[in-house]
Amino acid sequence: CLVCGSRGGQVTLPALWLLGCRVPAVVINGGCARQQASWAWPSGVPVVLLTGGRDYFNEHRDALGYDGDERYLAELCAAISGNLG
């Protein structure tokens, strides 16, 4: 099992996936689940994603209103949903 956070989840984990690594991963940030990296997300590989509303990648974190976190999580799920298996 890999445990990644910050740039490890944003850059290193997708690079390992491209090299063929298919071990389960725990990722502490949303970088690997963003639309920009969704092409690298492998089908059928167990990944636990821990992210919060103050995540650096959350472009809605300072949005007025209550739905900023919900929009962010919806975007992450949409980016990887086609690769879940």
C-alpha atoms as a PDB file:
ATOM      1  CA  CYS A   1       0.000   0.000   0.000  1.00  0.00           C
ATOM      2  CA  LEU A   2       1.234   3.487  -0.862  1.00  0.00           C
ATOM      3  CA  VAL A   3       0.546   6.493   1.354  1.00  0.00           C
ATOM      4  CA  CYS A   4       0.883   9.811  -0.475  1.00  0.00           C
ATOM      5  CA  GLY A   5       0.234  13.401   0.421  1.00  0.00           C
ATOM      6  CA  SER A   6       0.700  16.804  -1.122  1.00  0.00           C
ATOM      7  CA  ARG A   7       2.865  16.586  -4.275  1.00  0.00           C
ATOM      8  CA  GLY A   8       3.182  12.832  -3.769  1.00  0.00           C
ATOM      9  CA  GLY A   9      -0.516  12.502  -4.470  1.00  0.00           C
ATOM     10  CA  GLN A  10      -0.602  15.149  -7.165  1.00  0.00           C
ATOM     11  CA  VAL A  11       2.517  14.243  -9.154  1.00  0.00           C
ATOM     12  CA  THR A  12       4.259  11.081  -7.953  1.00  0.00           C
ATOM     13  CA  LEU A  13       1.247   8.776  -7.682  1.00  0.00           C
ATOM     14  CA  PRO A  14      -0.052   9.505 -11.219  1.00  0.00           C
ATOM     15  CA  ALA A  15       3.510   8.974 -12.504  1.00  0.00           C
ATOM     16  CA  LEU A  16       3.661   5.599 -10.753  1.00  0.00           C
ATOM     17  CA  TRP A  17       0.289   4.681 -12.257  1.00  0.00           C
ATOM     18  CA  LEU A  18       1.635   5.521 -15.711  1.00  0.00           C
ATOM     19  CA  LEU A  19       4.580   3.211 -15.042  1.00  0.00           C
ATOM     20  CA  GLY A  20       2.166   0.387 -14.289  1.00  0.00           C
ATOM     21  CA  CYS A  21       2.030   0.481 -10.483  1.00  0.00           C
ATOM     22  CA  ARG A  22      -1.293  -0.986  -9.364  1.00  0.00           C
ATOM     23  CA  VAL A  23      -1.054  -1.239  -5.568  1.00  0.00           C
ATOM     24  CA  PRO A  24      -3.713   0.243  -3.257  1.00  0.00           C
ATOM     25  CA  ALA A  25      -3.082   3.830  -2.163  1.00  0.00           C
ATOM     26  CA  VAL A  26      -4.118   6.247   0.551  1.00  0.00           C
ATOM     27  CA  VAL A  27      -3.930   9.803  -0.755  1.00  0.00           C
ATOM     28  CA  ILE A  28      -4.077  12.874   1.481  1.00  0.00           C
ATOM     29  CA  ASN A  29      -5.124  15.636  -0.932  1.00  0.00           C
ATOM     30  CA  GLY A  30      -7.287  15.908  -4.003  1.00  0.00           C
ATOM     31  CA  GLY A  31      -4.579  16.479  -6.608  1.00  0.00           C
ATOM     32  CA  CYS A  32      -4.705  13.038  -8.215  1.00  0.00           C
ATOM     33  CA  ALA A  33      -8.489  13.173  -8.552  1.00  0.00           C
ATOM     34  CA  ARG A  34      -8.701  16.471 -10.379  1.00  0.00           C
ATOM     35  CA  GLN A  35      -9.828  16.587 -13.993  1.00  0.00           C
ATOM     36  CA  GLN A  36      -6.265  17.431 -15.078  1.00  0.00           C
ATOM     37  CA  ALA A  37      -4.966  14.103 -13.702  1.00  0.00           C
ATOM     38  CA  SER A  38      -8.003  11.891 -14.268  1.00  0.00           C
ATOM     39  CA  TRP A  39      -6.455  10.365 -17.393  1.00  0.00           C
ATOM     40  CA  ALA A  40      -3.877   8.636 -15.167  1.00  0.00           C
ATOM     41  CA  TRP A  41      -6.360   7.131 -12.686  1.00  0.00           C
ATOM     42  CA  PRO A  42      -6.210   3.335 -13.132  1.00  0.00           C
ATOM     43  CA  SER A  43      -9.376   1.286 -13.251  1.00  0.00           C
ATOM     44  CA  GLY A  44      -9.875  -1.209 -10.445  1.00  0.00           C
ATOM     45  CA  VAL A  45      -7.106   0.046  -8.141  1.00  0.00           C
ATOM     46  CA  PRO A  46      -8.285   0.685  -4.557  1.00  0.00           C
ATOM     47  CA  VAL A  47      -7.652   4.296  -3.564  1.00  0.00           C
ATOM     48  CA  VAL A  48      -8.729   6.002  -0.357  1.00  0.00           C
ATOM     49  CA  LEU A  49      -8.876   9.748  -0.917  1.00  0.00           C
ATOM     50  CA  LEU A  50      -8.766  12.068   2.098  1.00  0.00           C
ATOM     51  CA  THR A  51      -9.415  15.673   1.267  1.00  0.00           C
ATOM     52  CA  GLY A  52     -10.943  18.649   2.973  1.00  0.00           C
ATOM     53  CA  GLY A  53     -12.570  21.914   2.140  1.00  0.00           C
ATOM     54  CA  ARG A  54      -9.355  23.844   2.748  1.00  0.00           C
ATOM     55  CA  ASP A  55      -7.478  21.704   0.221  1.00  0.00           C
ATOM     56  CA  TYR A  56      -5.132  23.814  -1.915  1.00  0.00           C
ATOM     57  CA  PHE A  57      -6.754  22.393  -5.048  1.00  0.00           C
ATOM     58  CA  ASN A  58     -10.240  23.452  -3.973  1.00  0.00           C
ATOM     59  CA  GLU A  59     -10.891  26.476  -6.148  1.00  0.00           C
ATOM     60  CA  HIS A  60     -14.172  26.985  -4.286  1.00  0.00           C
ATOM     61  CA  ARG A  61     -12.619  27.129  -0.801  1.00  0.00           C
ATOM     62  CA  ASP A  62     -13.227  30.861  -0.462  1.00  0.00           C
ATOM     63  CA  ALA A  63     -16.567  30.908  -2.271  1.00  0.00           C
ATOM     64  CA  LEU A  64     -19.423  32.681  -0.607  1.00  0.00           C
ATOM     65  CA  GLY A  65     -22.160  30.375   0.530  1.00  0.00           C
ATOM     66  CA  TYR A  66     -22.141  26.906   1.988  1.00  0.00           C
ATOM     67  CA  ASP A  67     -21.732  24.771  -1.118  1.00  0.00           C
ATOM     68  CA  GLY A  68     -18.025  25.374  -1.870  1.00  0.00           C
ATOM     69  CA  ASP A  69     -16.918  22.057  -0.353  1.00  0.00           C
ATOM     70  CA  GLU A  70     -19.804  20.196  -1.940  1.00  0.00           C
ATOM     71  CA  ARG A  71     -18.945  21.559  -5.397  1.00  0.00           C
ATOM     72  CA  TYR A  72     -15.301  20.592  -4.913  1.00  0.00           C
ATOM     73  CA  LEU A  73     -16.143  17.024  -3.903  1.00  0.00           C
ATOM     74  CA  ALA A  74     -18.594  16.757  -6.813  1.00  0.00           C
ATOM     75  CA  GLU A  75     -15.834  17.826  -9.233  1.00  0.00           C
ATOM     76  CA  LEU A  76     -13.415  15.235  -7.803  1.00  0.00           C
ATOM     77  CA  CYS A  77     -15.995  12.466  -8.076  1.00  0.00           C
ATOM     78  CA  ALA A  78     -16.917  13.490 -11.624  1.00  0.00           C
ATOM     79  CA  ALA A  79     -13.263  13.483 -12.699  1.00  0.00           C
ATOM     80  CA  ILE A  80     -12.656   9.878 -11.620  1.00  0.00           C
ATOM     81  CA  SER A  81     -16.111   8.313 -11.956  1.00  0.00           C
ATOM     82  CA  GLY A  82     -15.379   6.891 -15.400  1.00  0.00           C
ATOM     83  CA  ASN A  83     -12.344   5.075 -14.024  1.00  0.00           C
ATOM     84  CA  LEU A  84     -13.954   3.419 -11.046  1.00  0.00           C
ATOM     85  CA  GLY A  85     -14.193  -0.288 -11.476  1.00  0.00           C
END
